[in-house]
Amino acid sequence: MLEVNVSLNSIDKVKSFVNDISSFSSEFDLVSGRYVIDAKSIMGIFSLDISKPIELHVHTENDEEEDIMAALKPYLAE
């Protein structure tokens, strides 16, 4: 499992993030406090506070890891 922090602080960023990760078969969860939502759900993401970085858990097989990290690069929080 991969764990990274992502910054999704605009509507356009959320839409492109969901489009980018939807092409992968892996499970993506966004964790904010006690809330865990499906990262492929635009409505779910908007239920979170997107003004701060959000923890992303990726449940993946190792063969997709490099491709997923490349797709996530524009969204990684500093």
C-alpha atoms as a PDB file:
ATOM      1  CA  MET A   1       0.000   0.000   0.000  1.00  0.00           C
ATOM      2  CA  LEU A   2       1.223   3.469  -0.898  1.00  0.00           C
ATOM      3  CA  GLU A   3       0.531   6.451   1.356  1.00  0.00           C
ATOM      4  CA  VAL A   4       1.045  10.015   0.101  1.00  0.00           C
ATOM      5  CA  ASN A   5      -0.411  13.449   0.810  1.00  0.00           C
ATOM      6  CA  VAL A   6      -2.183  15.167  -2.075  1.00  0.00           C
ATOM      7  CA  SER A   7      -3.311  18.735  -2.557  1.00  0.00           C
ATOM      8  CA  LEU A   8      -6.691  19.045  -4.309  1.00  0.00           C
ATOM      9  CA  ASN A   9      -7.400  22.699  -3.608  1.00  0.00           C
ATOM     10  CA  SER A  10      -9.481  23.572  -6.684  1.00  0.00           C
ATOM     11  CA  ILE A  11     -12.439  22.166  -8.586  1.00  0.00           C
ATOM     12  CA  ASP A  12     -10.365  21.682 -11.760  1.00  0.00           C
ATOM     13  CA  LYS A  13      -7.662  19.864  -9.819  1.00  0.00           C
ATOM     14  CA  VAL A  14     -10.242  17.507  -8.288  1.00  0.00           C
ATOM     15  CA  LYS A  15     -11.759  16.735 -11.703  1.00  0.00           C
ATOM     16  CA  SER A  16      -8.395  16.013 -13.339  1.00  0.00           C
ATOM     17  CA  PHE A  17      -7.270  13.944 -10.304  1.00  0.00           C
ATOM     18  CA  VAL A  18     -10.360  11.716 -10.507  1.00  0.00           C
ATOM     19  CA  ASN A  19      -9.929  11.332 -14.282  1.00  0.00           C
ATOM     20  CA  ASP A  20      -6.246  10.388 -13.873  1.00  0.00           C
ATOM     21  CA  ILE A  21      -6.750   7.753 -11.162  1.00  0.00           C
ATOM     22  CA  SER A  22      -9.914   6.244 -12.672  1.00  0.00           C
ATOM     23  CA  SER A  23      -7.832   4.549 -15.363  1.00  0.00           C
ATOM     24  CA  PHE A  24      -6.180   2.329 -12.714  1.00  0.00           C
ATOM     25  CA  SER A  25      -7.772  -0.832 -11.327  1.00  0.00           C
ATOM     26  CA  SER A  26      -6.323  -0.193  -7.848  1.00  0.00           C
ATOM     27  CA  GLU A  27      -8.388   1.085  -4.920  1.00  0.00           C
ATOM     28  CA  PHE A  28      -7.782   4.695  -3.872  1.00  0.00           C
ATOM     29  CA  ASP A  29      -8.966   6.040  -0.484  1.00  0.00           C
ATOM     30  CA  LEU A  30      -8.737   9.596   0.793  1.00  0.00           C
ATOM     31  CA  VAL A  31      -8.386   9.812   4.579  1.00  0.00           C
ATOM     32  CA  SER A  32      -9.236  13.002   6.430  1.00  0.00           C
ATOM     33  CA  GLY A  33      -9.524  12.608  10.192  1.00  0.00           C
ATOM     34  CA  ARG A  34     -12.020   9.814  10.793  1.00  0.00           C
ATOM     35  CA  TYR A  35     -13.464  10.004   7.272  1.00  0.00           C
ATOM     36  CA  VAL A  36     -12.383   7.574   4.552  1.00  0.00           C
ATOM     37  CA  ILE A  37     -13.850   8.122   1.100  1.00  0.00           C
ATOM     38  CA  ASP A  38     -13.365   6.585  -2.335  1.00  0.00           C
ATOM     39  CA  ALA A  39     -10.912   8.867  -4.167  1.00  0.00           C
ATOM     40  CA  LYS A  40     -12.590   8.034  -7.492  1.00  0.00           C
ATOM     41  CA  SER A  41     -15.766   9.784  -6.287  1.00  0.00           C
ATOM     42  CA  ILE A  42     -15.923  13.487  -7.131  1.00  0.00           C
ATOM     43  CA  MET A  43     -18.882  13.994  -4.785  1.00  0.00           C
ATOM     44  CA  GLY A  44     -17.013  12.209  -2.000  1.00  0.00           C
ATOM     45  CA  ILE A  45     -13.970  14.448  -2.404  1.00  0.00           C
ATOM     46  CA  PHE A  46     -16.119  17.560  -2.174  1.00  0.00           C
ATOM     47  CA  SER A  47     -17.438  16.343   1.179  1.00  0.00           C
ATOM     48  CA  LEU A  48     -13.905  16.809   2.569  1.00  0.00           C
ATOM     49  CA  ASP A  49     -12.013  20.001   3.421  1.00  0.00           C
ATOM     50  CA  ILE A  50      -9.967  20.383   0.217  1.00  0.00           C
ATOM     51  CA  SER A  51      -8.192  23.536   1.411  1.00  0.00           C
ATOM     52  CA  LYS A  52      -5.605  21.350   3.208  1.00  0.00           C
ATOM     53  CA  PRO A  53      -3.538  18.389   1.969  1.00  0.00           C
ATOM     54  CA  ILE A  54      -5.361  15.048   2.247  1.00  0.00           C
ATOM     55  CA  GLU A  55      -3.836  11.636   2.914  1.00  0.00           C
ATOM     56  CA  LEU A  56      -4.201   9.219  -0.015  1.00  0.00           C
ATOM     57  CA  HIS A  57      -3.978   5.444   0.481  1.00  0.00           C
ATOM     58  CA  VAL A  58      -3.443   3.389  -2.674  1.00  0.00           C
ATOM     59  CA  HIS A  59      -4.125  -0.335  -2.412  1.00  0.00           C
ATOM     60  CA  THR A  60      -2.164  -1.654  -5.367  1.00  0.00           C
ATOM     61  CA  GLU A  61      -0.147  -4.497  -6.721  1.00  0.00           C
ATOM     62  CA  ASN A  62       3.519  -3.619  -7.230  1.00  0.00           C
ATOM     63  CA  ASP A  63       3.258  -3.777 -11.027  1.00  0.00           C
ATOM     64  CA  GLU A  64       1.160  -0.555 -11.123  1.00  0.00           C
ATOM     65  CA  GLU A  65       3.075   1.388  -8.468  1.00  0.00           C
ATOM     66  CA  GLU A  66       5.412   3.327 -10.801  1.00  0.00           C
ATOM     67  CA  ASP A  67       2.598   4.320 -13.165  1.00  0.00           C
ATOM     68  CA  ILE A  68       0.414   5.446 -10.274  1.00  0.00           C
ATOM     69  CA  MET A  69       3.187   7.567  -8.745  1.00  0.00           C
ATOM     70  CA  ALA A  70       3.802   9.190 -12.137  1.00  0.00           C
ATOM     71  CA  ALA A  71       0.077  10.013 -12.461  1.00  0.00           C
ATOM     72  CA  LEU A  72      -0.025  11.429  -8.909  1.00  0.00           C
ATOM     73  CA  LYS A  73       3.040  13.671  -9.332  1.00  0.00           C
ATOM     74  CA  PRO A  74       1.075  16.895 -10.145  1.00  0.00           C
ATOM     75  CA  TYR A  75      -1.093  16.421  -7.048  1.00  0.00           C
ATOM     76  CA  LEU A  76       1.529  15.610  -4.401  1.00  0.00           C
ATOM     77  CA  ALA A  77       1.518  18.018  -1.469  1.00  0.00           C
ATOM     78  CA  GLU A  78       4.760  19.741  -0.666  1.00  0.00           C
END
